[in-house]
Amino acid sequence: MRLLERLVLLRAIDTNWVQHLTQMEHIREGIGLRAYGQADPLVAYKERGLRDV
């Protein structure tokens, strides 16, 4: 039973981590437009990442 619990927990963590990385990638793709508005893309990426994720 412990093995089953461990496998389910690891699967849930893995799934959530992949979703997080996918969301961060989408944010990174869209943040490049902020540079045209004279905003620092790194600062915008950090702010957006903390707010949306």
PDB file of N, CA and C in Angstrom:
ATOM      1  N   MET A   1       0.830  -1.191   0.000  1.00  0.00           N
ATOM      2  CA  MET A   1       0.000   0.000   0.000  1.00  0.00           C
ATOM      3  C   MET A   1       0.875   1.255   0.000  1.00  0.00           C
ATOM      4  N   ARG A   2       1.987   1.231   0.746  1.00  0.00           N
ATOM      5  CA  ARG A   2       2.884   2.394   0.780  1.00  0.00           C
ATOM      6  C   ARG A   2       3.462   2.685  -0.597  1.00  0.00           C
ATOM      7  N   LEU A   3       3.769   1.642  -1.340  1.00  0.00           N
ATOM      8  CA  LEU A   3       4.318   1.815  -2.679  1.00  0.00           C
ATOM      9  C   LEU A   3       3.293   2.505  -3.576  1.00  0.00           C
ATOM     10  N   LEU A   4       2.052   2.104  -3.482  1.00  0.00           N
ATOM     11  CA  LEU A   4       0.990   2.725  -4.279  1.00  0.00           C
ATOM     12  C   LEU A   4       0.839   4.203  -3.917  1.00  0.00           C
ATOM     13  N   GLU A   5       0.857   4.510  -2.619  1.00  0.00           N
ATOM     14  CA  GLU A   5       0.754   5.908  -2.184  1.00  0.00           C
ATOM     15  C   GLU A   5       1.919   6.731  -2.734  1.00  0.00           C
ATOM     16  N   ARG A   6       3.110   6.176  -2.669  1.00  0.00           N
ATOM     17  CA  ARG A   6       4.292   6.879  -3.162  1.00  0.00           C
ATOM     18  C   ARG A   6       4.187   7.134  -4.658  1.00  0.00           C
ATOM     19  N   LEU A   7       3.751   6.135  -5.412  1.00  0.00           N
ATOM     20  CA  LEU A   7       3.626   6.294  -6.857  1.00  0.00           C
ATOM     21  C   LEU A   7       2.576   7.336  -7.228  1.00  0.00           C
ATOM     22  N   VAL A   8       1.459   7.344  -6.531  1.00  0.00           N
ATOM     23  CA  VAL A   8       0.411   8.323  -6.803  1.00  0.00           C
ATOM     24  C   VAL A   8       0.902   9.730  -6.475  1.00  0.00           C
ATOM     25  N   LEU A   9       1.573   9.878  -5.356  1.00  0.00           N
ATOM     26  CA  LEU A   9       2.092  11.180  -4.954  1.00  0.00           C
ATOM     27  C   LEU A   9       3.143  11.683  -5.944  1.00  0.00           C
ATOM     28  N   LEU A  10       4.057  10.839  -6.345  1.00  0.00           N
ATOM     29  CA  LEU A  10       5.082  11.237  -7.306  1.00  0.00           C
ATOM     30  C   LEU A  10       4.474  11.598  -8.653  1.00  0.00           C
ATOM     31  N   ARG A  11       3.452  10.878  -9.060  1.00  0.00           N
ATOM     32  CA  ARG A  11       2.777  11.189 -10.324  1.00  0.00           C
ATOM     33  C   ARG A  11       2.100  12.554 -10.252  1.00  0.00           C
ATOM     34  N   ALA A  12       1.476  12.860  -9.132  1.00  0.00           N
ATOM     35  CA  ALA A  12       0.804  14.150  -8.960  1.00  0.00           C
ATOM     36  C   ALA A  12       1.829  15.292  -8.961  1.00  0.00           C
ATOM     37  N   ILE A  13       2.933  15.102  -8.270  1.00  0.00           N
ATOM     38  CA  ILE A  13       3.974  16.126  -8.237  1.00  0.00           C
ATOM     39  C   ILE A  13       4.542  16.340  -9.631  1.00  0.00           C
ATOM     40  N   ASP A  14       4.807  15.263 -10.327  1.00  0.00           N
ATOM     41  CA  ASP A  14       5.368  15.346 -11.671  1.00  0.00           C
ATOM     42  C   ASP A  14       4.415  16.070 -12.623  1.00  0.00           C
ATOM     43  N   THR A  15       3.148  15.743 -12.567  1.00  0.00           N
ATOM     44  CA  THR A  15       2.151  16.379 -13.432  1.00  0.00           C
ATOM     45  C   THR A  15       2.059  17.875 -13.153  1.00  0.00           C
ATOM     46  N   ASN A  16       2.013  18.244 -11.884  1.00  0.00           N
ATOM     47  CA  ASN A  16       1.934  19.656 -11.532  1.00  0.00           C
ATOM     48  C   ASN A  16       3.194  20.412 -11.924  1.00  0.00           C
ATOM     49  N   TRP A  17       4.349  19.787 -11.811  1.00  0.00           N
ATOM     50  CA  TRP A  17       5.601  20.436 -12.188  1.00  0.00           C
ATOM     51  C   TRP A  17       5.639  20.695 -13.687  1.00  0.00           C
ATOM     52  N   VAL A  18       5.202  19.742 -14.480  1.00  0.00           N
ATOM     53  CA  VAL A  18       5.175  19.917 -15.933  1.00  0.00           C
ATOM     54  C   VAL A  18       4.206  21.035 -16.306  1.00  0.00           C
ATOM     55  N   GLN A  19       3.062  21.107 -15.657  1.00  0.00           N
ATOM     56  CA  GLN A  19       2.108  22.186 -15.918  1.00  0.00           C
ATOM     57  C   GLN A  19       2.716  23.542 -15.562  1.00  0.00           C
ATOM     58  N   HIS A  20       3.426  23.604 -14.451  1.00  0.00           N
ATOM     59  CA  HIS A  20       4.073  24.854 -14.038  1.00  0.00           C
ATOM     60  C   HIS A  20       5.099  25.298 -15.076  1.00  0.00           C
ATOM     61  N   LEU A  21       5.931  24.376 -15.521  1.00  0.00           N
ATOM     62  CA  LEU A  21       6.947  24.725 -16.508  1.00  0.00           C
ATOM     63  C   LEU A  21       6.321  25.168 -17.822  1.00  0.00           C
ATOM     64  N   THR A  22       5.231  24.542 -18.206  1.00  0.00           N
ATOM     65  CA  THR A  22       4.526  24.930 -19.434  1.00  0.00           C
ATOM     66  C   THR A  22       3.965  26.342 -19.302  1.00  0.00           C
ATOM     67  N   GLN A  23       3.375  26.666 -18.163  1.00  0.00           N
ATOM     68  CA  GLN A  23       2.857  28.015 -17.934  1.00  0.00           C
ATOM     69  C   GLN A  23       3.982  29.048 -17.971  1.00  0.00           C
ATOM     70  N   MET A  24       5.101  28.740 -17.364  1.00  0.00           N
ATOM     71  CA  MET A  24       6.218  29.675 -17.356  1.00  0.00           C
ATOM     72  C   MET A  24       6.771  29.878 -18.764  1.00  0.00           C
ATOM     73  N   GLU A  25       6.760  28.842 -19.579  1.00  0.00           N
ATOM     74  CA  GLU A  25       7.216  28.964 -20.962  1.00  0.00           C
ATOM     75  C   GLU A  25       6.293  29.881 -21.755  1.00  0.00           C
ATOM     76  N   HIS A  26       4.987  29.766 -21.543  1.00  0.00           N
ATOM     77  CA  HIS A  26       4.031  30.634 -22.229  1.00  0.00           C
ATOM     78  C   HIS A  26       4.225  32.086 -21.798  1.00  0.00           C
ATOM     79  N   ILE A  27       4.484  32.300 -20.530  1.00  0.00           N
ATOM     80  CA  ILE A  27       4.736  33.653 -20.042  1.00  0.00           C
ATOM     81  C   ILE A  27       5.995  34.220 -20.689  1.00  0.00           C
ATOM     82  N   ARG A  28       7.036  33.398 -20.772  1.00  0.00           N
ATOM     83  CA  ARG A  28       8.301  33.849 -21.360  1.00  0.00           C
ATOM     84  C   ARG A  28       8.126  34.225 -22.827  1.00  0.00           C
ATOM     85  N   GLU A  29       7.320  33.465 -23.560  1.00  0.00           N
ATOM     86  CA  GLU A  29       7.090  33.769 -24.970  1.00  0.00           C
ATOM     87  C   GLU A  29       6.384  35.108 -25.147  1.00  0.00           C
ATOM     88  N   GLY A  30       5.447  35.408 -24.258  1.00  0.00           N
ATOM     89  CA  GLY A  30       4.686  36.633 -24.393  1.00  0.00           C
ATOM     90  C   GLY A  30       5.354  37.858 -23.792  1.00  0.00           C
ATOM     91  N   ILE A  31       6.377  37.674 -22.998  1.00  0.00           N
ATOM     92  CA  ILE A  31       6.979  38.795 -22.282  1.00  0.00           C
ATOM     93  C   ILE A  31       7.893  39.618 -23.188  1.00  0.00           C
ATOM     94  N   GLY A  32       8.311  39.072 -24.306  1.00  0.00           N
ATOM     95  CA  GLY A  32       9.193  39.803 -25.224  1.00  0.00           C
ATOM     96  C   GLY A  32       8.573  41.083 -25.739  1.00  0.00           C
ATOM     97  N   LEU A  33       7.275  41.138 -25.815  1.00  0.00           N
ATOM     98  CA  LEU A  33       6.604  42.354 -26.295  1.00  0.00           C
ATOM     99  C   LEU A  33       6.759  43.507 -25.315  1.00  0.00           C
ATOM    100  N   ARG A  34       7.021  43.220 -24.063  1.00  0.00           N
ATOM    101  CA  ARG A  34       7.187  44.282 -23.061  1.00  0.00           C
ATOM    102  C   ARG A  34       8.431  45.119 -23.346  1.00  0.00           C
ATOM    103  N   ALA A  35       9.430  44.538 -24.005  1.00  0.00           N
ATOM    104  CA  ALA A  35      10.653  45.274 -24.318  1.00  0.00           C
ATOM    105  C   ALA A  35      10.350  46.435 -25.263  1.00  0.00           C
ATOM    106  N   TYR A  36       9.368  46.263 -26.125  1.00  0.00           N
ATOM    107  CA  TYR A  36       8.989  47.347 -27.027  1.00  0.00           C
ATOM    108  C   TYR A  36       8.378  48.516 -26.259  1.00  0.00           C
ATOM    109  N   GLY A  37       7.792  48.246 -25.128  1.00  0.00           N
ATOM    110  CA  GLY A  37       7.192  49.291 -24.301  1.00  0.00           C
ATOM    111  C   GLY A  37       8.174  49.874 -23.300  1.00  0.00           C
ATOM    112  N   GLN A  38       9.464  49.698 -23.526  1.00  0.00           N
ATOM    113  CA  GLN A  38      10.525  50.220 -22.676  1.00  0.00           C
ATOM    114  C   GLN A  38      10.502  49.636 -21.256  1.00  0.00           C
ATOM    115  N   ALA A  39       9.964  48.455 -21.105  1.00  0.00           N
ATOM    116  CA  ALA A  39       9.971  47.783 -19.802  1.00  0.00           C
ATOM    117  C   ALA A  39      11.053  46.704 -19.818  1.00  0.00           C
ATOM    118  N   ASP A  40      11.693  46.494 -18.689  1.00  0.00           N
ATOM    119  CA  ASP A  40      12.723  45.466 -18.569  1.00  0.00           C
ATOM    120  C   ASP A  40      12.052  44.085 -18.628  1.00  0.00           C
ATOM    121  N   PRO A  41      12.367  43.284 -19.639  1.00  0.00           N
ATOM    122  CA  PRO A  41      11.704  41.985 -19.776  1.00  0.00           C
ATOM    123  C   PRO A  41      11.936  41.054 -18.590  1.00  0.00           C
ATOM    124  N   LEU A  42      13.101  41.109 -17.983  1.00  0.00           N
ATOM    125  CA  LEU A  42      13.388  40.236 -16.847  1.00  0.00           C
ATOM    126  C   LEU A  42      12.502  40.582 -15.656  1.00  0.00           C
ATOM    127  N   VAL A  43      12.348  41.857 -15.376  1.00  0.00           N
ATOM    128  CA  VAL A  43      11.499  42.287 -14.272  1.00  0.00           C
ATOM    129  C   VAL A  43      10.044  41.925 -14.572  1.00  0.00           C
ATOM    130  N   ALA A  44       9.609  42.140 -15.802  1.00  0.00           N
ATOM    131  CA  ALA A  44       8.235  41.816 -16.180  1.00  0.00           C
ATOM    132  C   ALA A  44       7.977  40.310 -16.069  1.00  0.00           C
ATOM    133  N   TYR A  45       8.961  39.509 -16.459  1.00  0.00           N
ATOM    134  CA  TYR A  45       8.826  38.048 -16.377  1.00  0.00           C
ATOM    135  C   TYR A  45       8.687  37.603 -14.925  1.00  0.00           C
ATOM    136  N   LYS A  46       9.509  38.158 -14.056  1.00  0.00           N
ATOM    137  CA  LYS A  46       9.450  37.790 -12.640  1.00  0.00           C
ATOM    138  C   LYS A  46       8.108  38.189 -12.026  1.00  0.00           C
ATOM    139  N   GLU A  47       7.669  39.409 -12.315  1.00  0.00           N
ATOM    140  CA  GLU A  47       6.389  39.876 -11.762  1.00  0.00           C
ATOM    141  C   GLU A  47       5.230  39.029 -12.265  1.00  0.00           C
ATOM    142  N   ARG A  48       5.215  38.765 -13.547  1.00  0.00           N
ATOM    143  CA  ARG A  48       4.136  37.975 -14.137  1.00  0.00           C
ATOM    144  C   ARG A  48       4.147  36.544 -13.626  1.00  0.00           C
ATOM    145  N   GLY A  49       5.348  35.980 -13.475  1.00  0.00           N
ATOM    146  CA  GLY A  49       5.478  34.623 -12.968  1.00  0.00           C
ATOM    147  C   GLY A  49       4.961  34.481 -11.551  1.00  0.00           C
ATOM    148  N   LEU A  50       5.247  35.461 -10.720  1.00  0.00           N
ATOM    149  CA  LEU A  50       4.772  35.413  -9.344  1.00  0.00           C
ATOM    150  C   LEU A  50       3.264  35.629  -9.270  1.00  0.00           C
ATOM    151  N   ARG A  51       2.751  36.486 -10.124  1.00  0.00           N
ATOM    152  CA  ARG A  51       1.334  36.809 -10.081  1.00  0.00           C
ATOM    153  C   ARG A  51       0.463  35.689 -10.672  1.00  0.00           C
ATOM    154  N   ASP A  52       0.879  35.131 -11.814  1.00  0.00           N
ATOM    155  CA  ASP A  52       0.039  34.176 -12.535  1.00  0.00           C
ATOM    156  C   ASP A  52       0.208  32.742 -12.088  1.00  0.00           C
ATOM    157  N   VAL A  53       1.358  32.415 -11.580  1.00  0.00           N
ATOM    158  CA  VAL A  53       1.599  31.013 -11.238  1.00  0.00           C
ATOM    159  C   VAL A  53       1.535  30.844  -9.783  1.00  0.00           C
TER     160      VAL A  53
END
